[in-house]
Amino acid sequence: MKKEIHPNYNTEAMIKCACGNIIKTGSTKKEMEMEICSDCHPFFTGKEKLIDSTGRVEKFRARLESSKAKQEKIKKTASKATASKAKKEATKEKKEAAK
């Protein structure tokens, strides 16, 4: 390493959070401030709340149900079509056998 070109490293640097938590660490800055830390973040404190203000979950569920209904309808029509085809073929075979 070259001398006198690197910043000074402080082993007693402090990070201050808006909630009042102070974290001691090593850094090139002596003091830093932050808005949120692991002591006050909702994910880490267990106070996380899911806010669905636009109703996105309900919209998704409704869309999912409608797609399931469409798929069932397609299956029913497909099975009816194959059944009618089978009936037509059976009647053709009967007519040919009768000749």
C-alpha atoms as a PDB file:
ATOM      1  CA  MET A   1       0.000   0.000   0.000  1.00  0.00           C
ATOM      2  CA  LYS A   2       1.143   3.480  -0.744  1.00  0.00           C
ATOM      3  CA  LYS A   3       1.504   5.779   2.221  1.00  0.00           C
ATOM      4  CA  GLU A   4      -0.605   8.922   2.714  1.00  0.00           C
ATOM      5  CA  ILE A   5      -3.179   8.229  -0.036  1.00  0.00           C
ATOM      6  CA  HIS A   6      -5.652   6.118   1.947  1.00  0.00           C
ATOM      7  CA  PRO A   7      -8.276   7.602   4.302  1.00  0.00           C
ATOM      8  CA  ASN A   8      -7.933   7.101   8.033  1.00  0.00           C
ATOM      9  CA  TYR A   9      -9.779   4.083   9.404  1.00  0.00           C
ATOM     10  CA  ASN A  10     -11.656   4.692  12.654  1.00  0.00           C
ATOM     11  CA  THR A  11     -12.184   1.583  14.746  1.00  0.00           C
ATOM     12  CA  GLU A  12     -14.650   3.392  17.020  1.00  0.00           C
ATOM     13  CA  ALA A  13     -17.053   4.744  14.383  1.00  0.00           C
ATOM     14  CA  MET A  14     -20.682   5.207  15.485  1.00  0.00           C
ATOM     15  CA  ILE A  15     -23.871   4.758  13.465  1.00  0.00           C
ATOM     16  CA  LYS A  16     -26.865   6.548  14.989  1.00  0.00           C
ATOM     17  CA  CYS A  17     -30.417   5.557  14.123  1.00  0.00           C
ATOM     18  CA  ALA A  18     -33.464   7.805  14.342  1.00  0.00           C
ATOM     19  CA  CYS A  19     -34.910   5.468  17.006  1.00  0.00           C
ATOM     20  CA  GLY A  20     -31.903   6.169  19.253  1.00  0.00           C
ATOM     21  CA  ASN A  21     -29.986   2.943  18.646  1.00  0.00           C
ATOM     22  CA  ILE A  22     -26.221   3.374  18.411  1.00  0.00           C
ATOM     23  CA  ILE A  23     -24.065   0.838  16.570  1.00  0.00           C
ATOM     24  CA  LYS A  24     -20.288   0.855  17.022  1.00  0.00           C
ATOM     25  CA  THR A  25     -18.274  -0.326  14.040  1.00  0.00           C
ATOM     26  CA  GLY A  26     -15.190   0.460  11.999  1.00  0.00           C
ATOM     27  CA  SER A  27     -15.334   2.935   9.131  1.00  0.00           C
ATOM     28  CA  THR A  28     -13.549   5.794   7.425  1.00  0.00           C
ATOM     29  CA  LYS A  29     -16.192   8.177   8.817  1.00  0.00           C
ATOM     30  CA  LYS A  30     -16.426   8.879  12.533  1.00  0.00           C
ATOM     31  CA  GLU A  31     -20.204   9.269  12.677  1.00  0.00           C
ATOM     32  CA  MET A  32     -23.103   8.286  10.415  1.00  0.00           C
ATOM     33  CA  GLU A  33     -26.849   8.723  10.737  1.00  0.00           C
ATOM     34  CA  MET A  34     -29.578   6.454   9.393  1.00  0.00           C
ATOM     35  CA  GLU A  35     -33.372   6.500   9.432  1.00  0.00           C
ATOM     36  CA  ILE A  36     -34.108   2.872  10.242  1.00  0.00           C
ATOM     37  CA  CYS A  37     -32.183  -0.055  11.727  1.00  0.00           C
ATOM     38  CA  SER A  38     -32.795  -3.680  12.674  1.00  0.00           C
ATOM     39  CA  ASP A  39     -34.111  -2.601  16.095  1.00  0.00           C
ATOM     40  CA  CYS A  40     -36.908  -0.443  14.688  1.00  0.00           C
ATOM     41  CA  HIS A  41     -37.605  -1.992  11.249  1.00  0.00           C
ATOM     42  CA  PRO A  42     -41.069  -3.681  11.188  1.00  0.00           C
ATOM     43  CA  PHE A  43     -39.723  -6.822   9.515  1.00  0.00           C
ATOM     44  CA  PHE A  44     -37.278  -7.502  12.324  1.00  0.00           C
ATOM     45  CA  THR A  45     -39.535  -6.373  15.183  1.00  0.00           C
ATOM     46  CA  GLY A  46     -42.459  -8.588  14.083  1.00  0.00           C
ATOM     47  CA  LYS A  47     -44.825  -5.637  13.715  1.00  0.00           C
ATOM     48  CA  GLU A  48     -44.983  -5.942   9.925  1.00  0.00           C
ATOM     49  CA  LYS A  49     -48.440  -5.324   8.496  1.00  0.00           C
ATOM     50  CA  LEU A  50     -49.680  -6.169   5.029  1.00  0.00           C
ATOM     51  CA  ILE A  51     -51.663  -3.249   3.680  1.00  0.00           C
ATOM     52  CA  ASP A  52     -53.806  -3.959   0.636  1.00  0.00           C
ATOM     53  CA  SER A  53     -55.333  -0.562  -0.001  1.00  0.00           C
ATOM     54  CA  THR A  54     -56.149  -1.113  -3.659  1.00  0.00           C
ATOM     55  CA  GLY A  55     -57.750  -4.547  -3.306  1.00  0.00           C
ATOM     56  CA  ARG A  56     -55.126  -6.272  -5.415  1.00  0.00           C
ATOM     57  CA  VAL A  57     -55.432  -9.559  -3.551  1.00  0.00           C
ATOM     58  CA  GLU A  58     -59.198  -9.702  -4.090  1.00  0.00           C
ATOM     59  CA  LYS A  59     -58.766  -8.811  -7.772  1.00  0.00           C
ATOM     60  CA  PHE A  60     -56.229 -11.603  -8.174  1.00  0.00           C
ATOM     61  CA  ARG A  61     -58.462 -14.144  -6.453  1.00  0.00           C
ATOM     62  CA  ALA A  62     -61.435 -13.151  -8.614  1.00  0.00           C
ATOM     63  CA  ARG A  63     -59.320 -13.469 -11.750  1.00  0.00           C
ATOM     64  CA  LEU A  64     -58.073 -16.868 -10.586  1.00  0.00           C
ATOM     65  CA  GLU A  65     -61.611 -18.127  -9.955  1.00  0.00           C
ATOM     66  CA  SER A  66     -62.819 -16.910 -13.359  1.00  0.00           C
ATOM     67  CA  SER A  67     -59.921 -18.641 -15.111  1.00  0.00           C
ATOM     68  CA  LYS A  68     -60.697 -21.887 -13.255  1.00  0.00           C
ATOM     69  CA  ALA A  69     -64.348 -21.620 -14.325  1.00  0.00           C
ATOM     70  CA  LYS A  70     -63.288 -21.049 -17.944  1.00  0.00           C
ATOM     71  CA  GLN A  71     -60.983 -24.068 -17.857  1.00  0.00           C
ATOM     72  CA  GLU A  72     -63.763 -26.286 -16.480  1.00  0.00           C
ATOM     73  CA  LYS A  73     -66.157 -25.033 -19.154  1.00  0.00           C
ATOM     74  CA  ILE A  74     -63.599 -25.809 -21.878  1.00  0.00           C
ATOM     75  CA  LYS A  75     -63.090 -29.322 -20.478  1.00  0.00           C
ATOM     76  CA  LYS A  76     -66.845 -29.951 -20.430  1.00  0.00           C
ATOM     77  CA  THR A  77     -67.334 -28.758 -23.999  1.00  0.00           C
ATOM     78  CA  ALA A  78     -64.339 -30.791 -25.138  1.00  0.00           C
ATOM     79  CA  SER A  79     -65.687 -33.938 -23.493  1.00  0.00           C
ATOM     80  CA  LYS A  80     -69.141 -33.328 -25.045  1.00  0.00           C
ATOM     81  CA  ALA A  81     -67.548 -32.875 -28.463  1.00  0.00           C
ATOM     82  CA  THR A  82     -65.601 -36.131 -28.170  1.00  0.00           C
ATOM     83  CA  ALA A  83     -68.734 -37.926 -26.965  1.00  0.00           C
ATOM     84  CA  SER A  84     -70.766 -36.669 -29.940  1.00  0.00           C
ATOM     85  CA  LYS A  85     -67.951 -37.672 -32.311  1.00  0.00           C
ATOM     86  CA  ALA A  86     -67.910 -41.145 -30.813  1.00  0.00           C
ATOM     87  CA  LYS A  87     -71.703 -41.431 -31.246  1.00  0.00           C
ATOM     88  CA  LYS A  88     -71.491 -40.344 -34.902  1.00  0.00           C
ATOM     89  CA  GLU A  89     -68.746 -42.879 -35.595  1.00  0.00           C
ATOM     90  CA  ALA A  90     -70.727 -45.633 -33.880  1.00  0.00           C
ATOM     91  CA  THR A  91     -73.805 -44.894 -35.988  1.00  0.00           C
ATOM     92  CA  LYS A  92     -71.669 -44.877 -39.162  1.00  0.00           C
ATOM     93  CA  GLU A  93     -70.215 -48.254 -38.220  1.00  0.00           C
ATOM     94  CA  LYS A  94     -73.712 -49.655 -37.564  1.00  0.00           C
ATOM     95  CA  LYS A  95     -74.940 -48.416 -40.945  1.00  0.00           C
ATOM     96  CA  GLU A  96     -71.931 -49.890 -42.721  1.00  0.00           C
ATOM     97  CA  ALA A  97     -72.352 -53.197 -40.907  1.00  0.00           C
ATOM     98  CA  ALA A  98     -76.045 -53.286 -41.861  1.00  0.00           C
ATOM     99  CA  LYS A  99     -75.211 -52.937 -45.583  1.00  0.00           C
END
